[in-house]
Amino acid sequence: MTGGRYGEAVFRPEQEGEGERIDFGALAYDGVTMARLHALGVGPGWRCLDLGAGTGTVSRRLLDEAGVAEVLAVDRDVRFLAARAVPGLEVREADLTAPDFAPGRFRLVHARFVLMHLPERERLVRALAELVEPGGVLVLGDAVDLTGDRVPGTPYSRAMRAMWQGLRATIGTDVSWVPSYPQLLRGAGLVRVGAEIHVPPLLPGSPISRFWADTWERSRAAMLATGLVDDAAVDEAIRYLDSEDCAALAAGLLTAWGHRPAARPE
């Protein structure tokens, strides 16, 4: 039984420092996301949909670096997007799970760290595939947990296990199904499906280390409720991230993509 949604029970956008937390994640993962989008041919003339756009780092880089024609950036709370408007960026406050969500069709539909927090994931993948125009591509990215039972126990791995369990109980976050992305994309009628995983290094002071430290602070109550950690253990994990003793794998970003078949000539 969950206690709310992302942005409500935890990770509230009005909480001080939330925009900075999101930006730390962007610093860790945007480079590999943009490299994949470039490799898929995203560029001039493309109309793009960026779902759960957060602070808009990917949306703006699509405009600045890839030179796309326009980006529609969608989020349930757009305060960070509205504060960083740029030409070519349209901002829309909307819920992609709503039955009437129909923003049109786009050559690129992108969602990163979004579906893992939502129910009805298979339905949503099919719905997002329908937003891709013929010849376009759907790109989905979500976290892959690398703190399995065989990973040695460290302050980091204990905190991560508590976080995933706590977030699942609180807001429904579930990363266990993320490796099935390629099959879900193929089942949604997409072709030329591919996937890759990127794992950023956990180094003292790195963006990803600061992201996880901030994330644990904001999800501390959910972590404590699991009984797997106490306050002292969370504090120890935060110190561990910033120490030379840290030797662990960050959560991976699994990026998967699939193309809608091009329309056949009449």
Protein backbone atom coordinates (compact mmCIF):
# COMPACT_ATOMS: atom_id res chain seq x y z
CA MET A 1 0.00 0.00 0.00
CA THR A 2 1.61 3.23 -1.08
CA GLY A 3 1.31 6.55 0.67
CA GLY A 4 1.22 8.84 -2.34
CA ARG A 5 3.09 9.63 -5.52
CA TYR A 6 6.51 10.90 -6.40
CA GLY A 7 6.58 14.58 -5.51
CA GLU A 8 3.99 14.17 -2.77
CA ALA A 9 5.09 11.77 -0.04
CA VAL A 10 8.77 12.24 -0.94
CA PHE A 11 10.81 14.43 -3.31
CA ARG A 12 8.41 17.35 -3.04
CA PRO A 13 9.39 20.07 -5.52
CA GLU A 14 8.72 22.82 -2.98
CA GLN A 15 11.27 21.34 -0.58
CA GLU A 16 14.43 23.44 -0.45
CA GLY A 17 17.21 21.99 -2.58
CA GLU A 18 15.05 19.62 -4.64
CA GLY A 19 16.01 21.28 -7.92
CA GLU A 20 19.68 20.93 -7.03
CA ARG A 21 19.20 17.23 -6.20
CA ILE A 22 17.66 16.64 -9.62
CA ASP A 23 20.52 18.53 -11.25
CA PHE A 24 23.11 16.31 -9.54
CA GLY A 25 21.42 13.33 -11.18
CA ALA A 26 21.46 15.17 -14.50
CA LEU A 27 25.20 15.83 -14.19
CA ALA A 28 25.73 12.11 -13.66
CA TYR A 29 23.53 10.83 -16.47
CA ASP A 30 22.87 13.54 -19.08
CA GLY A 31 26.08 12.88 -20.99
CA VAL A 32 25.24 9.26 -21.73
CA THR A 33 21.61 10.13 -22.48
CA MET A 34 22.63 12.76 -25.02
CA ALA A 35 25.23 10.45 -26.57
CA ARG A 36 22.52 7.85 -27.17
CA LEU A 37 20.09 10.43 -28.59
CA HIS A 38 22.79 11.70 -30.97
CA ALA A 39 23.54 8.12 -32.03
CA LEU A 40 19.85 7.61 -32.79
CA GLY A 41 19.99 10.56 -35.18
CA VAL A 42 18.11 13.12 -33.12
CA GLY A 43 18.80 16.47 -34.73
CA PRO A 44 17.53 19.42 -36.77
CA GLY A 45 13.87 19.29 -37.72
CA TRP A 46 12.88 16.88 -34.95
CA ARG A 47 9.88 17.60 -32.73
CA CYS A 48 10.56 16.09 -29.32
CA LEU A 49 8.53 15.20 -26.23
CA ASP A 50 10.43 15.07 -22.93
CA LEU A 51 8.29 13.49 -20.22
CA GLY A 52 8.93 14.00 -16.52
CA ALA A 53 11.35 16.67 -17.64
CA GLY A 54 12.35 17.77 -14.12
CA THR A 55 14.62 20.78 -14.33
CA GLY A 56 14.75 20.54 -18.13
CA THR A 57 18.42 19.71 -18.63
CA VAL A 58 17.77 17.14 -21.39
CA SER A 59 15.15 19.37 -23.02
CA ARG A 60 17.52 22.30 -23.23
CA ARG A 61 20.41 20.17 -24.47
CA LEU A 62 18.21 18.80 -27.23
CA LEU A 63 17.72 22.38 -28.39
CA ASP A 64 21.25 23.65 -27.78
CA GLU A 65 23.35 20.65 -28.78
CA ALA A 66 21.19 18.54 -31.09
CA GLY A 67 19.55 21.56 -32.72
CA VAL A 68 16.06 20.05 -32.72
CA ALA A 69 13.17 22.17 -33.92
CA GLU A 70 11.19 22.17 -30.68
CA VAL A 71 10.73 20.35 -27.40
CA LEU A 72 7.55 19.91 -25.41
CA ALA A 73 8.66 19.39 -21.80
CA VAL A 74 5.97 17.83 -19.59
CA ASP A 75 5.89 17.41 -15.84
CA ARG A 76 3.28 17.28 -13.09
CA ASP A 77 5.00 20.30 -11.51
CA VAL A 78 6.74 22.69 -13.90
CA ARG A 79 8.22 25.24 -11.49
CA PHE A 80 11.79 24.29 -12.41
CA LEU A 81 11.03 24.21 -16.13
CA ALA A 82 9.23 27.55 -16.10
CA ALA A 83 12.16 29.16 -14.29
CA ARG A 84 14.59 28.16 -17.06
CA ALA A 85 12.69 28.90 -20.26
CA VAL A 86 14.58 29.03 -23.57
CA PRO A 87 13.43 29.56 -27.18
CA GLY A 88 11.95 26.43 -28.69
CA LEU A 89 10.99 24.96 -25.32
CA GLU A 90 7.27 24.60 -24.62
CA VAL A 91 6.40 23.75 -21.03
CA ARG A 92 3.21 21.93 -20.12
CA GLU A 93 1.97 20.88 -16.70
CA ALA A 94 0.25 17.54 -17.19
CA ASP A 95 0.01 13.99 -15.87
CA LEU A 96 1.09 11.43 -18.45
CA THR A 97 -0.99 8.76 -16.67
CA ALA A 98 -4.23 10.69 -17.24
CA PRO A 99 -6.64 9.06 -19.72
CA ASP A 100 -6.90 12.32 -21.69
CA PHE A 101 -3.16 12.88 -22.03
CA ALA A 102 -2.77 13.32 -25.79
CA PRO A 103 -0.06 15.85 -26.66
CA GLY A 104 0.20 14.73 -30.29
CA ARG A 105 2.88 12.75 -32.08
CA PHE A 106 6.60 13.36 -32.02
CA ARG A 107 9.72 12.08 -33.73
CA LEU A 108 11.33 11.57 -30.33
CA VAL A 109 9.50 10.62 -27.15
CA HIS A 110 11.84 10.48 -24.15
CA ALA A 111 11.24 9.63 -20.48
CA ARG A 112 14.00 9.08 -17.92
CA PHE A 113 13.50 8.07 -14.27
CA VAL A 114 9.74 8.37 -14.71
CA LEU A 115 8.04 5.02 -15.33
CA MET A 116 9.85 3.35 -12.43
CA HIS A 117 7.74 5.48 -10.07
CA LEU A 118 4.39 4.77 -11.77
CA PRO A 119 1.86 1.92 -11.79
CA GLU A 120 0.51 0.28 -14.96
CA ARG A 121 3.92 0.34 -16.59
CA GLU A 122 3.09 -2.00 -19.45
CA ARG A 123 0.06 0.12 -20.37
CA LEU A 124 2.15 3.28 -20.22
CA VAL A 125 4.83 1.87 -22.51
CA ARG A 126 2.14 1.05 -25.07
CA ALA A 127 0.59 4.50 -24.65
CA LEU A 128 3.94 6.26 -25.10
CA ALA A 129 4.69 4.18 -28.18
CA GLU A 130 1.49 5.56 -29.71
CA LEU A 131 2.89 9.10 -29.33
CA VAL A 132 5.79 8.28 -31.67
CA GLU A 133 5.27 9.28 -35.29
CA PRO A 134 6.18 6.81 -38.07
CA GLY A 135 9.95 6.66 -38.35
CA GLY A 136 10.40 8.15 -34.89
CA VAL A 137 11.84 6.65 -31.73
CA LEU A 138 10.79 6.06 -28.12
CA VAL A 139 13.64 6.24 -25.60
CA LEU A 140 13.07 5.13 -22.01
CA GLY A 141 15.58 5.20 -19.17
CA ASP A 142 15.24 3.95 -15.62
CA ALA A 143 17.37 2.72 -12.76
CA VAL A 144 18.76 -0.78 -12.40
CA ASP A 145 19.54 -1.83 -8.83
CA LEU A 146 23.01 -3.39 -8.50
CA THR A 147 22.87 -4.08 -4.75
CA GLY A 148 21.75 -7.70 -4.90
CA ASP A 149 22.07 -10.24 -2.13
CA ARG A 150 25.54 -11.33 -3.28
CA VAL A 151 26.98 -7.81 -3.08
CA PRO A 152 29.10 -7.41 0.09
CA GLY A 153 27.36 -5.48 2.82
CA THR A 154 28.58 -1.89 3.05
CA PRO A 155 26.99 1.25 4.48
CA TYR A 156 26.09 2.14 0.87
CA SER A 157 24.48 -1.18 -0.08
CA ARG A 158 22.48 -1.31 3.17
CA ALA A 159 21.17 2.22 2.58
CA MET A 160 20.29 1.49 -1.05
CA ARG A 161 18.36 -1.65 -0.15
CA ALA A 162 16.41 0.28 2.47
CA MET A 163 15.77 3.10 0.02
CA TRP A 164 14.38 0.87 -2.73
CA GLN A 165 12.20 -1.02 -0.26
CA GLY A 166 11.04 2.19 1.41
CA LEU A 167 10.21 3.93 -1.86
CA ARG A 168 8.30 0.92 -3.10
CA ALA A 169 6.17 0.91 0.06
CA THR A 170 5.71 4.69 0.06
CA ILE A 171 5.24 5.74 -3.59
CA GLY A 172 5.25 2.48 -5.52
CA THR A 173 8.73 2.78 -7.04
CA ASP A 174 9.71 -0.57 -8.55
CA VAL A 175 12.89 -1.06 -10.57
CA SER A 176 12.67 -4.86 -10.67
CA TRP A 177 10.85 -4.81 -14.01
CA VAL A 178 13.21 -2.33 -15.73
CA PRO A 179 15.33 -5.06 -17.45
CA SER A 180 12.17 -6.06 -19.34
CA TYR A 181 12.12 -2.74 -21.23
CA PRO A 182 13.32 -4.21 -24.55
CA GLN A 183 10.56 -6.83 -24.53
CA LEU A 184 7.95 -4.23 -23.58
CA LEU A 185 9.02 -1.95 -26.43
CA ARG A 186 8.88 -4.81 -28.91
CA GLY A 187 5.49 -5.81 -27.56
CA ALA A 188 4.29 -2.25 -28.18
CA GLY A 189 4.96 -2.70 -31.89
CA LEU A 190 8.35 -0.97 -32.08
CA VAL A 191 11.26 -2.30 -34.13
CA ARG A 192 15.06 -2.03 -34.09
CA VAL A 193 14.93 -2.27 -30.31
CA GLY A 194 18.15 -1.82 -28.38
CA ALA A 195 19.32 -1.23 -24.82
CA GLU A 196 22.43 -0.34 -22.84
CA ILE A 197 23.43 0.27 -19.23
CA HIS A 198 25.63 3.03 -17.83
CA VAL A 199 27.00 2.93 -14.28
CA PRO A 200 28.62 6.19 -13.11
CA PRO A 201 31.54 5.80 -10.68
CA LEU A 202 30.92 6.55 -7.02
CA LEU A 203 33.73 8.94 -6.14
CA PRO A 204 33.92 11.38 -3.21
CA GLY A 205 32.24 14.65 -4.14
CA SER A 206 31.00 13.35 -7.50
CA PRO A 207 27.56 14.39 -8.77
CA ILE A 208 26.15 10.88 -8.39
CA SER A 209 27.44 10.61 -4.80
CA ARG A 210 25.89 13.95 -3.92
CA PHE A 211 22.66 12.88 -5.64
CA TRP A 212 22.36 9.74 -3.51
CA ALA A 213 23.23 11.56 -0.31
CA ASP A 214 20.48 14.11 -0.99
CA THR A 215 18.07 11.37 -2.06
CA TRP A 216 18.59 9.47 1.20
CA GLU A 217 18.00 12.63 3.22
CA ARG A 218 14.70 13.22 1.45
CA SER A 219 13.58 9.59 1.70
CA ARG A 220 14.95 9.01 5.21
CA ALA A 221 11.52 8.47 6.79
CA ALA A 222 10.63 5.83 4.21
CA MET A 223 14.00 4.14 4.73
CA LEU A 224 13.63 4.06 8.51
CA ALA A 225 10.13 2.60 8.20
CA THR A 226 11.58 -0.54 6.58
CA GLY A 227 13.47 -1.45 9.76
CA LEU A 228 16.55 -2.18 7.65
CA VAL A 229 18.38 0.97 8.80
CA ASP A 230 18.25 3.54 11.57
CA ASP A 231 19.31 7.19 11.56
CA ALA A 232 22.87 6.27 12.49
CA ALA A 233 23.09 3.87 9.53
CA VAL A 234 21.83 6.49 7.08
CA ASP A 235 24.32 9.03 8.44
CA GLU A 236 27.10 6.45 8.16
CA ALA A 237 26.15 5.75 4.52
CA ILE A 238 26.26 9.46 3.68
CA ARG A 239 29.73 9.75 5.21
CA TYR A 240 30.81 6.59 3.38
CA LEU A 241 29.87 8.11 0.02
CA ASP A 242 32.25 10.99 0.67
CA SER A 243 35.14 8.86 1.90
CA GLU A 244 38.08 7.18 0.20
CA ASP A 245 36.79 3.89 1.65
CA CYS A 246 33.79 3.92 -0.69
CA ALA A 247 33.92 0.90 -3.01
CA ALA A 248 30.51 0.25 -4.53
CA LEU A 249 28.45 0.26 -7.70
CA ALA A 250 25.99 3.08 -8.25
CA ALA A 251 22.59 2.26 -9.62
CA GLY A 252 22.80 1.80 -13.36
CA LEU A 253 20.82 3.75 -15.93
CA LEU A 254 19.25 1.32 -18.37
CA THR A 255 18.36 3.11 -21.60
CA ALA A 256 16.19 1.26 -24.09
CA TRP A 257 14.84 2.43 -27.42
CA GLY A 258 12.59 1.29 -30.21
CA HIS A 259 11.47 2.78 -33.53
CA ARG A 260 7.98 3.05 -34.95
CA PRO A 261 8.02 1.55 -38.44
CA ALA A 262 8.08 4.21 -41.14
CA ALA A 263 4.88 4.74 -43.08
CA ARG A 264 4.76 2.79 -46.32
CA PRO A 265 4.45 4.93 -49.46
CA GLU A 266 1.02 4.91 -51.03
